[in-house]
Amino acid sequence: MEARAVVRHVRMSPRKMRVVANLVRGKNINEAMSMLKLMPKKGAKIIRKLLVSAVANVEHKGEVDVDELKVRDCSVDNGPILKRWMPRSMGRANRIQHRTSHVTVVVQEQ
């Protein structure tokens, strides 16, 4: 049995989130949780919460042993870009792009 969890519009660059997602993909749930708990990156906290949600979705769907789960897929996609302007010298302005992410985690039994 498999289940998924999705979080959208995360105010973090997809490039930074993918570093964490690539480490978790294909790992056992317990191993992934312990890795994310000790990782000092902001994306690790977000993906860990998403992983907890995916495990809760599997438990809600049916009778599954949580220790036998593994992360089948962890993907990070681009979300909408928030465009802002920063004033510069001599009356100019530079565009600042705040990138957002859509993160999807899929867990399944081994």
Protein backbone atom coordinates (compact mmCIF):
# COMPACT_ATOMS: atom_id res chain seq x y z
CA MET A 1 0.00 0.00 0.00
CA GLU A 2 1.24 3.47 -0.76
CA ALA A 3 0.28 6.95 0.34
CA ARG A 4 1.44 10.44 -0.44
CA ALA A 5 1.58 13.84 1.17
CA VAL A 6 1.96 17.19 -0.59
CA VAL A 7 2.88 20.63 0.65
CA ARG A 8 2.59 23.57 -1.72
CA HIS A 9 3.86 27.14 -1.80
CA VAL A 10 6.81 26.57 0.56
CA ARG A 11 8.78 29.82 0.79
CA MET A 12 12.08 28.19 -0.04
CA SER A 13 14.01 27.74 -3.26
CA PRO A 14 13.49 24.35 -4.97
CA ARG A 15 17.24 24.09 -5.49
CA LYS A 16 17.83 24.16 -1.72
CA MET A 17 14.98 21.72 -1.03
CA ARG A 18 16.23 19.18 -3.61
CA VAL A 19 19.50 18.74 -1.71
CA VAL A 20 17.55 17.31 1.23
CA ALA A 21 15.03 15.42 -0.93
CA ASN A 22 17.79 13.56 -2.78
CA LEU A 23 19.24 12.28 0.50
CA VAL A 24 15.90 10.88 1.70
CA ARG A 25 14.70 9.23 -1.51
CA GLY A 26 14.76 5.41 -1.36
CA LYS A 27 15.53 5.19 2.37
CA ASN A 28 13.68 3.31 5.11
CA ILE A 29 11.28 5.51 7.11
CA ASN A 30 13.18 5.20 10.39
CA GLU A 31 16.50 5.94 8.72
CA ALA A 32 15.07 8.93 6.84
CA MET A 33 13.46 10.37 9.99
CA SER A 34 16.68 10.14 11.99
CA MET A 35 18.68 11.73 9.14
CA LEU A 36 16.24 14.63 8.84
CA LYS A 37 16.08 15.20 12.58
CA LEU A 38 19.83 15.80 12.79
CA MET A 39 20.23 17.73 9.54
CA PRO A 40 20.85 21.49 10.07
CA LYS A 41 19.01 22.63 6.92
CA LYS A 42 15.66 24.43 6.93
CA GLY A 43 14.33 22.10 4.22
CA ALA A 44 14.93 19.08 6.45
CA LYS A 45 12.32 20.26 8.96
CA ILE A 46 9.73 20.78 6.22
CA ILE A 47 10.36 17.40 4.59
CA ARG A 48 10.33 15.65 7.98
CA LYS A 49 6.89 17.06 8.77
CA LEU A 50 5.73 15.96 5.33
CA LEU A 51 7.09 12.46 5.92
CA VAL A 52 5.20 12.22 9.22
CA SER A 53 2.04 13.23 7.37
CA ALA A 54 2.59 10.58 4.67
CA VAL A 55 3.06 7.88 7.32
CA ALA A 56 -0.15 9.01 9.03
CA ASN A 57 -1.95 8.75 5.67
CA VAL A 58 -0.76 5.15 5.25
CA GLU A 59 -1.92 4.24 8.75
CA HIS A 60 -5.31 5.80 8.06
CA LYS A 61 -5.74 3.87 4.80
CA GLY A 62 -5.29 0.42 6.28
CA GLU A 63 -3.40 -2.11 8.35
CA VAL A 64 0.29 -1.45 7.66
CA ASP A 65 3.46 -1.97 9.69
CA VAL A 66 5.12 1.45 9.88
CA ASP A 67 8.61 -0.04 10.28
CA GLU A 68 8.30 -1.71 6.85
CA LEU A 69 7.69 1.55 4.98
CA LYS A 70 10.19 3.22 2.69
CA VAL A 71 10.30 6.54 0.85
CA ARG A 72 9.48 5.60 -2.74
CA ASP A 73 9.62 9.13 -4.13
CA CYS A 74 10.42 12.60 -2.85
CA SER A 75 10.12 15.27 -5.50
CA VAL A 76 10.45 19.04 -5.40
CA ASP A 77 8.87 21.16 -8.12
CA ASN A 78 8.88 24.88 -8.80
CA GLY A 79 6.07 26.94 -7.35
CA PRO A 80 5.07 30.47 -8.25
CA ILE A 81 7.79 33.11 -8.09
CA LEU A 82 7.09 36.21 -5.99
CA LYS A 83 8.59 39.22 -7.75
CA ARG A 84 9.72 42.16 -5.66
CA TRP A 85 11.76 45.30 -6.34
CA MET A 86 14.79 46.52 -4.40
CA PRO A 87 15.84 50.18 -4.70
CA ARG A 88 19.38 50.84 -5.89
CA SER A 89 21.49 53.90 -6.33
CA MET A 90 20.83 56.65 -8.88
CA GLY A 91 17.08 55.94 -9.03
CA ARG A 92 17.42 52.41 -10.35
CA ALA A 93 15.74 49.23 -9.11
CA ASN A 94 16.68 45.55 -9.22
CA ARG A 95 14.15 42.74 -9.36
CA ILE A 96 14.28 40.23 -6.49
CA GLN A 97 12.69 36.83 -7.10
CA HIS A 98 11.43 34.88 -4.08
CA ARG A 99 11.14 31.32 -5.32
CA THR A 100 8.66 28.82 -3.85
CA SER A 101 8.44 25.03 -3.95
CA HIS A 102 5.86 22.26 -4.18
CA VAL A 103 7.07 19.13 -2.35
CA THR A 104 5.59 15.63 -2.77
CA VAL A 105 6.51 12.57 -0.68
CA VAL A 106 5.30 9.06 -1.56
CA VAL A 107 5.80 6.16 0.88
CA GLN A 108 5.07 2.47 0.31
CA GLU A 109 5.63 -0.93 1.85
CA GLN A 110 8.87 -2.71 1.00
